[in-house]
Protein backbone atom coordinates (compact mmCIF):
# COMPACT_ATOMS: atom_id res chain seq x y z
CA MET A 1 114.10 89.72 116.45
CA PHE A 2 115.72 93.06 115.79
CA TYR A 3 115.77 95.58 118.60
CA THR A 4 117.37 98.88 119.49
CA TYR A 5 117.42 101.61 122.10
CA ASP A 6 115.73 105.01 122.31
CA ASN A 7 119.11 106.76 122.14
CA ALA A 8 119.70 105.17 118.71
CA GLU A 9 116.69 106.92 117.18
CA THR A 10 117.32 109.68 114.65
CA PRO A 11 114.86 112.38 113.56
CA MET A 12 114.90 111.22 109.91
CA GLY A 13 111.68 109.21 110.26
CA ALA A 14 109.61 112.33 109.59
CA TRP A 15 111.25 112.58 106.16
CA PHE A 16 109.78 109.25 105.17
CA GLU A 17 106.22 108.07 105.80
CA LYS A 18 104.06 109.55 108.52
CA GLY A 19 104.41 107.49 111.68
CA SER A 20 107.76 105.99 110.63
CA ARG A 21 110.84 106.09 112.83
CA SER A 22 114.51 105.54 112.05
CA TRP A 23 117.53 104.36 114.02
CA ARG A 24 121.28 104.63 113.64
CA PHE A 25 121.64 100.94 114.52
CA ILE A 26 119.71 97.85 115.47
CA GLU A 27 120.87 94.76 117.33
CA TRP A 28 120.58 91.09 116.56
CA SER A 29 121.55 88.93 119.52
CA LEU A 30 120.01 85.63 118.43
CA ASN A 31 121.94 82.80 116.81
CA ILE A 32 119.28 82.20 114.14
CA PRO A 33 119.10 83.15 110.46
CA TRP A 34 117.48 86.29 109.15
CA PHE A 35 116.77 87.68 105.67
CA TRP A 36 117.92 90.73 103.70
CA VAL A 37 115.08 91.38 101.23
CA THR A 38 115.33 93.86 98.36
CA ILE A 39 112.19 94.67 96.41
CA VAL A 40 111.50 96.78 93.35
CA LEU A 41 108.11 98.47 93.39
CA SER A 42 106.34 100.41 90.65
CA ASP A 43 103.26 102.62 90.51
CA GLY A 44 103.12 102.42 86.70
CA GLU A 45 105.04 105.66 86.22
CA ALA A 46 108.08 105.27 88.44
CA SER A 47 109.98 102.42 90.08
CA TRP A 48 111.86 102.41 93.38
CA THR A 49 113.78 99.98 95.52
CA ASP A 50 113.21 99.18 99.20
CA THR A 51 115.28 96.92 101.43
CA LEU A 52 113.80 95.15 104.45
CA MET A 53 115.13 92.79 107.09
CA PHE A 54 113.00 89.89 108.30
CA TYR A 55 113.61 86.98 110.62
CA LEU A 56 110.45 84.99 109.93
CA PRO A 57 110.18 83.28 106.52
CA GLN A 58 106.39 83.74 106.48
CA ASP A 59 106.89 87.52 106.55
CA ILE A 60 108.52 87.26 103.12
CA ALA A 61 105.48 85.41 101.71
CA ASP A 62 103.19 87.99 103.35
CA LEU A 63 105.19 90.84 101.79
CA ILE A 64 104.85 89.31 98.32
CA GLU A 65 101.11 88.90 98.80
CA GLN A 66 100.60 92.41 100.24
CA ARG A 67 102.63 94.12 97.52
CA ALA A 68 101.45 91.94 94.62
CA ASN A 69 99.94 94.87 92.70
CA ASN A 70 103.14 96.89 92.51
CA LEU A 71 105.93 94.37 93.18
CA LYS A 72 108.16 94.07 90.12
CA ALA A 73 111.14 92.15 91.53
CA ILE A 74 112.37 90.62 94.78
CA ASP A 75 115.77 89.37 95.90
CA VAL A 76 116.05 87.44 99.17
CA GLN A 77 119.36 86.74 100.83
CA LEU A 78 119.82 84.39 103.75
CA VAL A 79 122.00 85.74 106.55
CA SER A 80 123.11 82.61 108.36
CA PRO A 81 124.96 82.23 111.67
CA PRO A 82 128.22 80.25 111.87
CA ARG A 83 126.54 77.24 113.51
CA MET A 84 124.29 76.97 110.44
CA ASN A 85 126.76 77.65 107.63
CA GLY A 86 129.66 75.66 109.12
CA THR A 87 132.11 78.57 109.28
CA THR A 88 133.28 80.94 112.00
CA LYS A 89 131.41 83.96 110.58
CA TRP A 90 127.95 85.09 109.59
CA SER A 91 127.33 84.67 105.86
CA MET A 92 124.95 86.28 103.37
CA GLU A 93 123.87 84.17 100.36
CA PRO A 94 121.19 84.72 97.68
CA LEU A 95 118.22 82.37 98.12
CA ALA A 96 116.53 80.37 95.40
CA GLU A 97 113.84 78.92 97.66
CA ILE A 98 112.51 78.56 101.20
CA VAL A 99 110.51 75.39 101.89
CA SER A 100 108.68 74.60 105.10
CA GLY A 101 107.57 71.18 106.28
CA ILE A 102 107.78 68.55 108.96
CA ALA A 103 111.10 66.71 109.28
CA LEU A 104 110.44 62.98 108.90
CA GLU A 105 113.34 62.17 111.23
CA THR A 106 112.29 64.42 114.13
CA SER A 107 108.59 65.19 113.42
CA ARG A 108 109.39 68.86 114.05
CA PRO A 109 108.48 71.80 111.81
CA VAL A 110 111.50 73.11 109.87
CA HIS A 111 112.49 75.42 107.05
CA VAL A 112 114.93 74.47 104.31
CA TYR A 113 116.85 77.33 102.71
CA LYS A 114 118.04 76.55 99.18
CA CYS A 115 120.70 78.97 97.99
CA VAL A 116 121.37 80.01 94.40
CA ASN A 117 124.88 78.49 94.68
CA GLY A 118 123.38 75.03 95.32
CA LYS A 119 123.97 74.93 99.07
CA SER A 120 121.04 74.10 101.35
CA TYR A 121 120.60 74.78 105.04
CA MET A 122 117.88 74.08 107.54
CA ASP A 123 116.95 75.62 110.84
CA GLU A 124 116.90 72.31 112.72
CA ASP A 125 119.80 72.46 115.21
CA GLU A 126 120.12 68.76 115.83
CA VAL A 127 121.05 67.59 112.34
CA ASP A 128 123.94 68.29 109.97
CA ALA A 129 122.18 67.45 106.70
CA VAL A 130 118.98 68.59 105.05
CA LEU A 131 116.26 66.16 106.06
CA GLU A 132 113.40 64.77 104.06
CA LEU A 133 110.18 66.67 104.71
CA LYS A 134 106.50 65.84 104.66
CA ASN A 135 103.75 68.44 104.16
CA GLN A 136 106.14 70.59 102.13
CA ARG A 137 105.11 74.14 101.27
CA ILE A 138 107.10 76.67 99.31
CA ILE A 139 107.31 79.89 101.33
CA PHE A 140 109.45 81.71 98.75
CA SER A 141 110.78 80.84 95.31
CA ALA A 142 112.93 83.25 93.31
CA SER A 143 111.51 81.79 90.09
CA MET A 144 107.90 82.58 91.04
CA ALA A 145 108.23 85.36 93.60
CA VAL A 146 106.29 87.93 91.63
CA GLY A 147 103.75 85.48 90.24
CA GLY A 148 102.19 83.87 93.28
CA HIS A 149 102.64 80.94 95.66
CA ASP A 150 103.05 77.25 95.06
CA GLU A 151 102.31 74.20 97.19
CA ARG A 152 103.81 70.75 96.71
């Protein structure tokens, strides 16, 4: 999860929505993926862009459902740690799809992250390849993000 300290808070929160707060920085100390999500919203007269950071895939699906009436576009990028992407650095890649399911090999719940560039990753630490899944459910799909959810 993201966290920060009181001394990082800035007084800008009052400029935005009532009850909001803002910080100069946040920290991420976990070696797990997170998501950079950019959405375009519209009230029928004007459009605006918001960017959010999530670490739970289900939060992306919840956002799409909650903002369905005024969500016009969404772009989700996977921010993956080196142990996941096979490099020595964190990487940010546009996502085509997030699928959840149970890994047949381990019987553990997992997420598969399918990137636009054709690469796929999963959050199962003990395997190097994307496993076959049972009980698959699409959490996010770029091709249907503004139109609803799909189950396989």
